[in-house]
Amino acid sequence: MGYGKFMTMALAALFSVGCASPDPPPPTKTVFDPLLQAEQRARDVQKTVDEHADATRKAVDTEERGDTAP
């Protein structure tokens, strides 16, 4: 009776260890990858446009006040 419990526990432990993967598989490409890349490029472009708009706005404000350019 003692061997049955021991073997059951040992087999459960070995099964758990045997099924574990050491590293996850690499992500697979999907049909949405080109769309996600285009969306990321658009966000990057918008970020650049916003930065330039802020710089221009600051320059115009500086000129309106009569301050010297930084």
C-alpha atoms as a PDB file:
ATOM      1  CA  MET A   1       0.000   0.000   0.000  1.00  0.00           C
ATOM      2  CA  GLY A   2       2.868   2.403   0.744  1.00  0.00           C
ATOM      3  CA  TYR A   3       4.439   1.744  -2.650  1.00  0.00           C
ATOM      4  CA  GLY A   4       1.224   2.633  -4.478  1.00  0.00           C
ATOM      5  CA  LYS A   5       1.058   6.098  -2.947  1.00  0.00           C
ATOM      6  CA  PHE A   6       4.764   6.637  -3.521  1.00  0.00           C
ATOM      7  CA  MET A   7       4.552   5.574  -7.171  1.00  0.00           C
ATOM      8  CA  THR A   8       1.491   7.723  -7.773  1.00  0.00           C
ATOM      9  CA  MET A   9       3.215  10.785  -6.364  1.00  0.00           C
ATOM     10  CA  ALA A  10       6.431  10.035  -8.241  1.00  0.00           C
ATOM     11  CA  LEU A  11       4.590   9.569 -11.542  1.00  0.00           C
ATOM     12  CA  ALA A  12       2.654  12.807 -11.022  1.00  0.00           C
ATOM     13  CA  ALA A  13       5.889  14.699 -10.325  1.00  0.00           C
ATOM     14  CA  LEU A  14       7.665  13.165 -13.327  1.00  0.00           C
ATOM     15  CA  PHE A  15       4.687  13.921 -15.571  1.00  0.00           C
ATOM     16  CA  SER A  16       4.689  17.560 -14.452  1.00  0.00           C
ATOM     17  CA  VAL A  17       8.421  17.941 -15.044  1.00  0.00           C
ATOM     18  CA  GLY A  18       8.269  16.117 -18.364  1.00  0.00           C
ATOM     19  CA  CYS A  19       5.555  18.370 -19.756  1.00  0.00           C
ATOM     20  CA  ALA A  20       7.251  21.619 -18.764  1.00  0.00           C
ATOM     21  CA  SER A  21       8.951  23.441 -21.606  1.00  0.00           C
ATOM     22  CA  PRO A  22      12.317  25.100 -20.814  1.00  0.00           C
ATOM     23  CA  ASP A  23      11.664  28.051 -23.128  1.00  0.00           C
ATOM     24  CA  PRO A  24       8.487  29.289 -24.799  1.00  0.00           C
ATOM     25  CA  PRO A  25       8.148  28.924 -28.547  1.00  0.00           C
ATOM     26  CA  PRO A  26       8.881  31.999 -30.656  1.00  0.00           C
ATOM     27  CA  PRO A  27       5.838  34.105 -31.519  1.00  0.00           C
ATOM     28  CA  THR A  28       4.266  33.269 -34.828  1.00  0.00           C
ATOM     29  CA  LYS A  29       3.524  35.909 -37.443  1.00  0.00           C
ATOM     30  CA  THR A  30      -0.101  36.799 -37.958  1.00  0.00           C
ATOM     31  CA  VAL A  31      -2.025  38.510 -40.711  1.00  0.00           C
ATOM     32  CA  PHE A  32      -2.267  41.597 -38.489  1.00  0.00           C
ATOM     33  CA  ASP A  33       1.507  42.212 -38.289  1.00  0.00           C
ATOM     34  CA  PRO A  34       1.645  44.567 -41.326  1.00  0.00           C
ATOM     35  CA  LEU A  35      -1.286  46.547 -39.941  1.00  0.00           C
ATOM     36  CA  LEU A  36       0.305  46.829 -36.516  1.00  0.00           C
ATOM     37  CA  GLN A  37       3.589  47.947 -38.057  1.00  0.00           C
ATOM     38  CA  ALA A  38       1.799  50.603 -40.110  1.00  0.00           C
ATOM     39  CA  GLU A  39      -0.007  51.808 -36.994  1.00  0.00           C
ATOM     40  CA  GLN A  40       3.286  52.078 -35.086  1.00  0.00           C
ATOM     41  CA  ARG A  41       4.878  54.044 -37.948  1.00  0.00           C
ATOM     42  CA  ALA A  42       1.903  56.405 -37.946  1.00  0.00           C
ATOM     43  CA  ARG A  43       2.284  56.940 -34.186  1.00  0.00           C
ATOM     44  CA  ASP A  44       5.990  57.685 -34.646  1.00  0.00           C
ATOM     45  CA  VAL A  45       5.243  60.197 -37.407  1.00  0.00           C
ATOM     46  CA  GLN A  46       2.567  61.853 -35.271  1.00  0.00           C
ATOM     47  CA  LYS A  47       5.036  62.110 -32.385  1.00  0.00           C
ATOM     48  CA  THR A  48       7.562  63.833 -34.668  1.00  0.00           C
ATOM     49  CA  VAL A  49       4.908  66.229 -35.995  1.00  0.00           C
ATOM     50  CA  ASP A  50       3.821  67.081 -32.439  1.00  0.00           C
ATOM     51  CA  GLU A  51       7.420  67.772 -31.398  1.00  0.00           C
ATOM     52  CA  HIS A  52       7.935  70.119 -34.357  1.00  0.00           C
ATOM     53  CA  ALA A  53       4.629  71.864 -33.664  1.00  0.00           C
ATOM     54  CA  ASP A  54       5.645  72.443 -30.037  1.00  0.00           C
ATOM     55  CA  ALA A  55       9.008  73.844 -31.111  1.00  0.00           C
ATOM     56  CA  THR A  56       7.349  76.151 -33.635  1.00  0.00           C
ATOM     57  CA  ARG A  57       4.767  77.300 -31.088  1.00  0.00           C
ATOM     58  CA  LYS A  58       7.513  78.124 -28.580  1.00  0.00           C
ATOM     59  CA  ALA A  59       9.456  80.048 -31.237  1.00  0.00           C
ATOM     60  CA  VAL A  60       6.388  82.070 -32.212  1.00  0.00           C
ATOM     61  CA  ASP A  61       5.619  82.833 -28.564  1.00  0.00           C
ATOM     62  CA  THR A  62       9.176  83.989 -28.031  1.00  0.00           C
ATOM     63  CA  GLU A  63       9.019  86.259 -31.077  1.00  0.00           C
ATOM     64  CA  GLU A  64       5.695  87.740 -29.981  1.00  0.00           C
ATOM     65  CA  ARG A  65       7.106  88.670 -26.579  1.00  0.00           C
ATOM     66  CA  GLY A  66      10.196  90.218 -28.157  1.00  0.00           C
ATOM     67  CA  ASP A  67      12.591  87.886 -26.372  1.00  0.00           C
ATOM     68  CA  THR A  68      15.785  86.723 -28.022  1.00  0.00           C
ATOM     69  CA  ALA A  69      15.834  83.282 -29.562  1.00  0.00           C
ATOM     70  CA  PRO A  70      17.020  80.547 -27.166  1.00  0.00           C
END
